Amino acid sequence: MIERIQYLKEFIQIMVANDPKLKKISLNNFDWQQIEILAKTLLPAKICTKKLQNEQLTLSDFYSSWISCKIETRSLGNPFSNKLVKCMENREQFIMNNKVLLAAVFLDPRFKITLDEIQYNMAINHLVSVWLYLKNNGMGIKDTDENVENMEDRNSESDLDSNENSDVLEQFLREKESVEPEISCSSQYSTSKFIENKLKTYYLNQKRLSLKTNILQFWQSMEDIHPELNVLAKIVFAVPSTQVSVERLFSGLKFILSPYRSNITSKHLEDQLIVRTNRLFEKKNKV
């Protein structure tokens, strides 16, 4: 982006030199410096926006992009970046009160260490309530007293690489990891001790994973080790973090509901949208 600004600056200078009438649009060095500062400050937000447009963006991946954007913007240290970070922090007060997001961060070994005591309890309470809902509605949930298996061998391939290049997010997580958590779950809403103990055991025993880890593949590999938590993870990480997938469905509607098929029923329309979406998803995975 900075290279493009320099190219634009040189281009305008050449145009002004060839046509004196364009001098009124010519900018001085101070103006160009301000434009460069503006471009540098907005670059992390642009990168974050591109990431948020990805398919299968989980809530914890959204959280990762948000934190990275805030850290990189703050590191610039100019007045505009400071105001932008302030706006992000104000917005973050509402975002980090979302129980579903906190549950996703809790179940993501890459970022669970970033939760404070209040957020930790909110996440557990929400996961327990989801578990109880599934159990009370007869969705195949059964409380068992299976022993927790040793996870170290199973997670050896996904553990942190000691030679992994450090970036701003990795440094942020290492700082969080060095702080011993002082957390407990004594909320009156946690009525199922079985699943609560499972969640506590997972939080204490599961090591932090590399940022490159695919969280969906991780929980798929945990199906035999943590079958109960795997059920919760499938529900939590299925929640869309943005409206991109919905917008894509609306865009594909024009290929099905055309003027020549205006009499199609709503049921058939819904079925065809599901088939089309699954077909595109399978095609993309094969590629």
Protein backbone atom coordinates (compact mmCIF):
# COMPACT_ATOMS: atom_id res chain seq x y z
CA MET A 1 0.00 0.00 0.00
CA ILE A 2 2.84 2.42 0.82
CA GLU A 3 4.41 1.65 -2.56
CA ARG A 4 1.13 2.54 -4.25
CA ILE A 5 1.02 5.89 -2.46
CA GLN A 6 4.57 6.65 -3.56
CA TYR A 7 3.67 5.71 -7.12
CA LEU A 8 0.57 7.95 -6.97
CA LYS A 9 2.66 10.82 -5.61
CA GLU A 10 5.17 10.54 -8.45
CA PHE A 11 2.39 10.21 -11.01
CA ILE A 12 0.64 13.39 -9.82
CA GLN A 13 3.94 15.27 -9.79
CA ILE A 14 4.52 14.31 -13.42
CA MET A 15 0.98 15.29 -14.40
CA VAL A 16 1.29 18.68 -12.66
CA ALA A 17 4.61 19.33 -14.38
CA ASN A 18 3.02 18.70 -17.78
CA ASP A 19 -0.19 20.60 -17.11
CA PRO A 20 -0.02 23.78 -14.94
CA LYS A 21 -3.82 23.68 -14.54
CA LEU A 22 -3.45 20.67 -12.26
CA LYS A 23 -1.40 22.57 -9.68
CA LYS A 24 -4.50 23.15 -7.58
CA ILE A 25 -4.71 19.41 -6.87
CA SER A 26 -1.02 19.15 -6.05
CA LEU A 27 -0.26 18.20 -2.43
CA ASN A 28 2.67 19.31 -0.33
CA ASN A 29 4.97 16.97 1.61
CA PHE A 30 2.95 17.35 4.81
CA ASP A 31 -0.23 16.25 3.04
CA TRP A 32 1.53 13.20 1.62
CA GLN A 33 2.89 12.32 5.05
CA GLN A 34 -0.63 12.43 6.48
CA ILE A 35 -1.89 10.19 3.69
CA GLU A 36 0.91 7.73 4.39
CA ILE A 37 0.07 7.69 8.11
CA LEU A 38 -3.59 7.12 7.28
CA ALA A 39 -2.74 4.23 4.95
CA LYS A 40 -0.41 2.56 7.49
CA THR A 41 -3.00 2.91 10.24
CA LEU A 42 -5.82 1.39 8.21
CA LEU A 43 -3.72 -1.47 6.80
CA PRO A 44 -4.26 -3.84 9.80
CA ALA A 45 -8.02 -3.19 9.57
CA LYS A 46 -7.93 -4.00 5.85
CA ILE A 47 -6.10 -7.27 6.50
CA CYS A 48 -8.56 -8.13 9.28
CA THR A 49 -11.53 -7.40 7.02
CA LYS A 50 -10.16 -9.74 4.35
CA LYS A 51 -9.78 -12.52 6.95
CA LEU A 52 -13.36 -12.02 8.14
CA GLN A 53 -14.58 -12.75 4.62
CA ASN A 54 -13.20 -16.31 4.68
CA GLU A 55 -15.56 -19.26 4.59
CA GLN A 56 -15.83 -21.44 7.71
CA LEU A 57 -14.65 -18.58 9.91
CA THR A 58 -15.13 -19.75 13.48
CA LEU A 59 -15.76 -17.40 16.38
CA SER A 60 -12.29 -18.00 17.79
CA ASP A 61 -10.74 -17.17 14.40
CA PHE A 62 -12.71 -13.94 14.47
CA TYR A 63 -11.32 -13.30 17.95
CA SER A 64 -7.79 -13.96 16.69
CA SER A 65 -8.16 -11.50 13.80
CA TRP A 66 -9.64 -8.87 16.11
CA ILE A 67 -6.81 -9.12 18.66
CA SER A 68 -4.13 -9.07 15.95
CA CYS A 69 -5.67 -5.98 14.37
CA LYS A 70 -5.82 -4.17 17.70
CA ILE A 71 -2.23 -5.02 18.65
CA GLU A 72 -0.79 -4.02 15.26
CA THR A 73 -2.79 -0.79 15.18
CA ARG A 74 -1.69 0.15 18.70
CA SER A 75 1.98 -0.48 17.82
CA LEU A 76 1.88 2.36 15.27
CA GLY A 77 1.52 4.89 18.07
CA ASN A 78 0.19 7.83 16.06
CA PRO A 79 -2.83 9.96 17.08
CA PHE A 80 -5.10 8.34 14.50
CA SER A 81 -4.14 4.78 15.49
CA ASN A 82 -4.65 5.63 19.18
CA LYS A 83 -8.18 6.87 18.46
CA LEU A 84 -8.90 3.79 16.37
CA VAL A 85 -7.69 1.48 19.15
CA LYS A 86 -9.85 3.38 21.62
CA CYS A 87 -12.88 2.76 19.43
CA MET A 88 -11.99 -0.95 19.19
CA GLU A 89 -11.64 -1.21 22.97
CA ASN A 90 -15.06 0.41 23.46
CA ARG A 91 -16.58 -2.04 21.01
CA GLU A 92 -14.72 -4.92 22.64
CA GLN A 93 -16.59 -4.34 25.89
CA PHE A 94 -19.76 -5.51 24.14
CA ILE A 95 -18.08 -8.26 22.10
CA MET A 96 -16.44 -9.89 25.13
CA ASN A 97 -19.80 -10.08 26.91
CA ASN A 98 -21.09 -12.48 24.27
CA LYS A 99 -21.46 -15.89 25.92
CA VAL A 100 -21.19 -17.82 22.66
CA LEU A 101 -17.93 -16.08 21.72
CA LEU A 102 -16.48 -16.71 25.18
CA ALA A 103 -17.45 -20.38 24.93
CA ALA A 104 -15.67 -20.63 21.57
CA VAL A 105 -12.52 -19.00 22.97
CA PHE A 106 -12.69 -21.33 25.98
CA LEU A 107 -12.84 -24.41 23.73
CA ASP A 108 -9.98 -23.16 21.56
CA PRO A 109 -6.63 -24.20 23.12
CA ARG A 110 -4.89 -21.47 21.15
CA PHE A 111 -6.67 -18.64 22.97
CA LYS A 112 -8.33 -19.96 26.14
CA ILE A 113 -5.55 -18.49 28.30
CA THR A 114 -6.69 -14.97 27.37
CA LEU A 115 -9.92 -15.29 29.38
CA ASP A 116 -10.10 -13.68 32.79
CA GLU A 117 -11.99 -15.17 35.74
CA ILE A 118 -15.35 -13.57 34.87
CA GLN A 119 -15.12 -14.58 31.21
CA TYR A 120 -14.01 -18.07 32.22
CA ASN A 121 -17.08 -18.53 34.40
CA MET A 122 -19.40 -17.11 31.74
CA ALA A 123 -18.00 -19.55 29.18
CA ILE A 124 -18.42 -22.57 31.47
CA ASN A 125 -21.94 -21.54 32.47
CA HIS A 126 -22.97 -21.22 28.84
CA LEU A 127 -21.44 -24.58 27.88
CA VAL A 128 -23.14 -26.25 30.84
CA SER A 129 -26.49 -24.72 29.84
CA VAL A 130 -26.05 -26.02 26.28
CA TRP A 131 -25.21 -29.47 27.64
CA LEU A 132 -28.28 -29.49 29.87
CA TYR A 133 -30.48 -28.36 26.98
CA LEU A 134 -29.24 -31.22 24.81
CA LYS A 135 -29.70 -33.70 27.63
CA ASN A 136 -33.17 -32.52 28.65
CA ASN A 137 -34.41 -32.58 25.06
CA GLY A 138 -33.32 -36.16 24.47
CA MET A 139 -30.58 -35.45 21.92
CA GLY A 140 -28.49 -38.50 22.75
CA ILE A 141 -26.51 -36.94 25.61
CA LYS A 142 -25.65 -39.26 28.48
CA ASP A 143 -23.55 -38.58 31.55
CA THR A 144 -20.80 -41.16 31.92
CA ASP A 145 -17.88 -41.42 34.31
CA GLU A 146 -15.28 -42.32 31.72
CA ASN A 147 -11.71 -41.64 32.76
CA VAL A 148 -9.95 -38.78 31.05
CA GLU A 149 -7.26 -40.24 28.81
CA ASN A 150 -3.74 -38.94 28.52
CA MET A 151 -3.72 -36.27 25.83
CA GLU A 152 -0.01 -35.62 25.49
CA ASP A 153 0.68 -38.28 22.85
CA ARG A 154 -2.43 -37.41 20.87
CA ASN A 155 -1.59 -33.71 20.83
CA SER A 156 2.13 -34.03 20.17
CA GLU A 157 1.75 -33.06 16.53
CA SER A 158 -0.35 -30.00 17.36
CA ASP A 159 1.74 -28.66 20.28
CA LEU A 160 3.62 -25.42 19.93
CA ASP A 161 6.68 -25.53 17.72
CA SER A 162 9.61 -24.13 19.66
CA ASN A 163 11.07 -22.81 16.41
CA GLU A 164 7.89 -21.09 15.34
CA ASN A 165 8.38 -17.50 14.19
CA SER A 166 7.05 -15.01 16.72
CA ASP A 167 4.59 -12.38 15.64
CA VAL A 168 2.59 -9.83 17.59
CA LEU A 169 -0.22 -12.26 18.39
CA GLU A 170 2.18 -15.02 19.44
CA GLN A 171 4.01 -12.62 21.76
CA PHE A 172 0.68 -11.53 23.23
CA LEU A 173 -0.30 -15.14 23.93
CA ARG A 174 3.09 -15.97 25.46
CA GLU A 175 2.67 -13.09 27.89
CA LYS A 176 -0.78 -14.38 28.85
CA GLU A 177 0.59 -17.89 29.24
CA SER A 178 3.25 -16.75 31.71
CA VAL A 179 0.55 -15.54 34.12
CA GLU A 180 -0.84 -18.23 36.42
CA PRO A 181 -4.65 -18.20 36.18
CA GLU A 182 -6.55 -17.73 39.40
CA ILE A 183 -9.92 -19.03 38.35
CA SER A 184 -12.76 -21.05 39.76
CA CYS A 185 -16.29 -21.89 38.81
CA SER A 186 -18.67 -21.46 41.70
CA SER A 187 -21.64 -20.00 39.84
CA GLN A 188 -25.07 -21.14 40.95
CA TYR A 189 -25.98 -21.83 37.32
CA SER A 190 -23.47 -24.69 36.95
CA THR A 191 -25.75 -27.49 38.10
CA SER A 192 -24.16 -30.37 36.18
CA LYS A 193 -20.98 -31.32 38.05
CA PHE A 194 -20.16 -33.96 35.48
CA ILE A 195 -19.75 -31.68 32.48
CA GLU A 196 -18.37 -28.88 34.67
CA ASN A 197 -15.55 -31.16 35.83
CA LYS A 198 -14.90 -32.21 32.24
CA LEU A 199 -14.55 -28.56 31.22
CA LYS A 200 -12.26 -27.76 34.17
CA THR A 201 -10.07 -30.78 33.43
CA TYR A 202 -9.77 -29.81 29.79
CA TYR A 203 -8.84 -26.23 30.70
CA LEU A 204 -6.12 -27.28 33.14
CA ASN A 205 -4.60 -30.16 31.15
CA GLN A 206 -4.83 -29.02 27.54
CA LYS A 207 -1.64 -27.28 26.41
CA ARG A 208 -1.69 -24.22 24.21
CA LEU A 209 -1.54 -25.09 20.52
CA SER A 210 0.17 -23.44 17.61
CA LEU A 211 -1.64 -20.58 15.93
CA LYS A 212 -1.50 -22.59 12.71
CA THR A 213 -3.71 -25.32 14.19
CA ASN A 214 -7.08 -25.84 12.51
CA ILE A 215 -9.48 -25.85 15.44
CA LEU A 216 -12.13 -27.88 13.57
CA GLN A 217 -9.62 -30.62 12.79
CA PHE A 218 -8.34 -30.52 16.36
CA TRP A 219 -11.76 -31.23 17.85
CA GLN A 220 -12.39 -33.91 15.25
CA SER A 221 -9.25 -35.65 16.54
CA MET A 222 -10.54 -35.25 20.12
CA GLU A 223 -13.78 -37.17 19.46
CA ASP A 224 -12.54 -40.30 21.27
CA ILE A 225 -10.68 -38.47 24.04
CA HIS A 226 -13.32 -35.85 24.90
CA PRO A 227 -16.61 -37.11 23.38
CA GLU A 228 -18.74 -34.79 25.53
CA LEU A 229 -16.71 -31.69 24.82
CA ASN A 230 -16.55 -32.65 21.16
CA VAL A 231 -20.35 -32.42 21.03
CA LEU A 232 -20.23 -28.94 22.55
CA ALA A 233 -17.42 -27.88 20.22
CA LYS A 234 -19.41 -28.91 17.14
CA ILE A 235 -22.27 -26.66 18.26
CA VAL A 236 -20.16 -23.68 19.34
CA PHE A 237 -17.92 -23.61 16.28
CA ALA A 238 -20.88 -24.02 13.95
CA VAL A 239 -22.11 -20.54 14.90
CA PRO A 240 -21.28 -18.10 12.06
CA SER A 241 -19.14 -15.19 13.22
CA THR A 242 -20.08 -12.93 10.30
CA GLN A 243 -22.88 -12.58 7.75
CA VAL A 244 -20.60 -13.50 4.83
CA SER A 245 -22.06 -17.00 4.40
CA VAL A 246 -25.61 -15.59 4.45
CA GLU A 247 -24.70 -12.96 1.86
CA ARG A 248 -23.22 -15.67 -0.36
CA LEU A 249 -26.49 -17.59 -0.18
CA PHE A 250 -28.43 -14.48 -1.19
CA SER A 251 -26.05 -13.96 -4.12
CA GLY A 252 -26.64 -17.54 -5.28
CA LEU A 253 -30.40 -17.10 -5.12
CA LYS A 254 -30.47 -15.35 -8.50
CA PHE A 255 -29.20 -18.53 -10.20
CA ILE A 256 -32.16 -20.54 -8.89
CA LEU A 257 -35.09 -18.14 -8.61
CA SER A 258 -35.12 -16.72 -12.14
CA PRO A 259 -38.05 -15.13 -14.05
CA TYR A 260 -38.54 -18.48 -15.77
CA ARG A 261 -38.95 -20.29 -12.43
CA SER A 262 -41.03 -17.80 -10.49
CA ASN A 263 -43.62 -20.45 -9.51
CA ILE A 264 -41.18 -22.59 -7.53
CA THR A 265 -42.41 -23.37 -4.01
CA SER A 266 -40.56 -22.15 -0.93
CA LYS A 267 -39.83 -25.75 0.11
CA HIS A 268 -38.27 -26.63 -3.25
CA LEU A 269 -36.35 -23.36 -3.25
CA GLU A 270 -34.88 -24.12 0.17
CA ASP A 271 -33.94 -27.66 -0.87
CA GLN A 272 -32.19 -26.45 -4.02
CA LEU A 273 -30.26 -23.80 -2.08
CA ILE A 274 -29.03 -26.47 0.34
CA VAL A 275 -27.97 -28.75 -2.52
CA ARG A 276 -26.21 -25.90 -4.32
CA THR A 277 -24.39 -24.78 -1.18
CA ASN A 278 -23.19 -28.31 -0.34
CA ARG A 279 -22.10 -28.86 -3.93
CA LEU A 280 -19.99 -25.69 -3.95
CA PHE A 281 -18.51 -26.60 -0.57
CA GLU A 282 -17.53 -30.11 -1.73
CA LYS A 283 -16.08 -28.73 -4.96
CA LYS A 284 -13.95 -26.24 -3.08
CA ASN A 285 -12.65 -28.92 -0.69
CA LYS A 286 -11.60 -31.15 -3.59
CA VAL A 287 -9.65 -28.29 -5.11
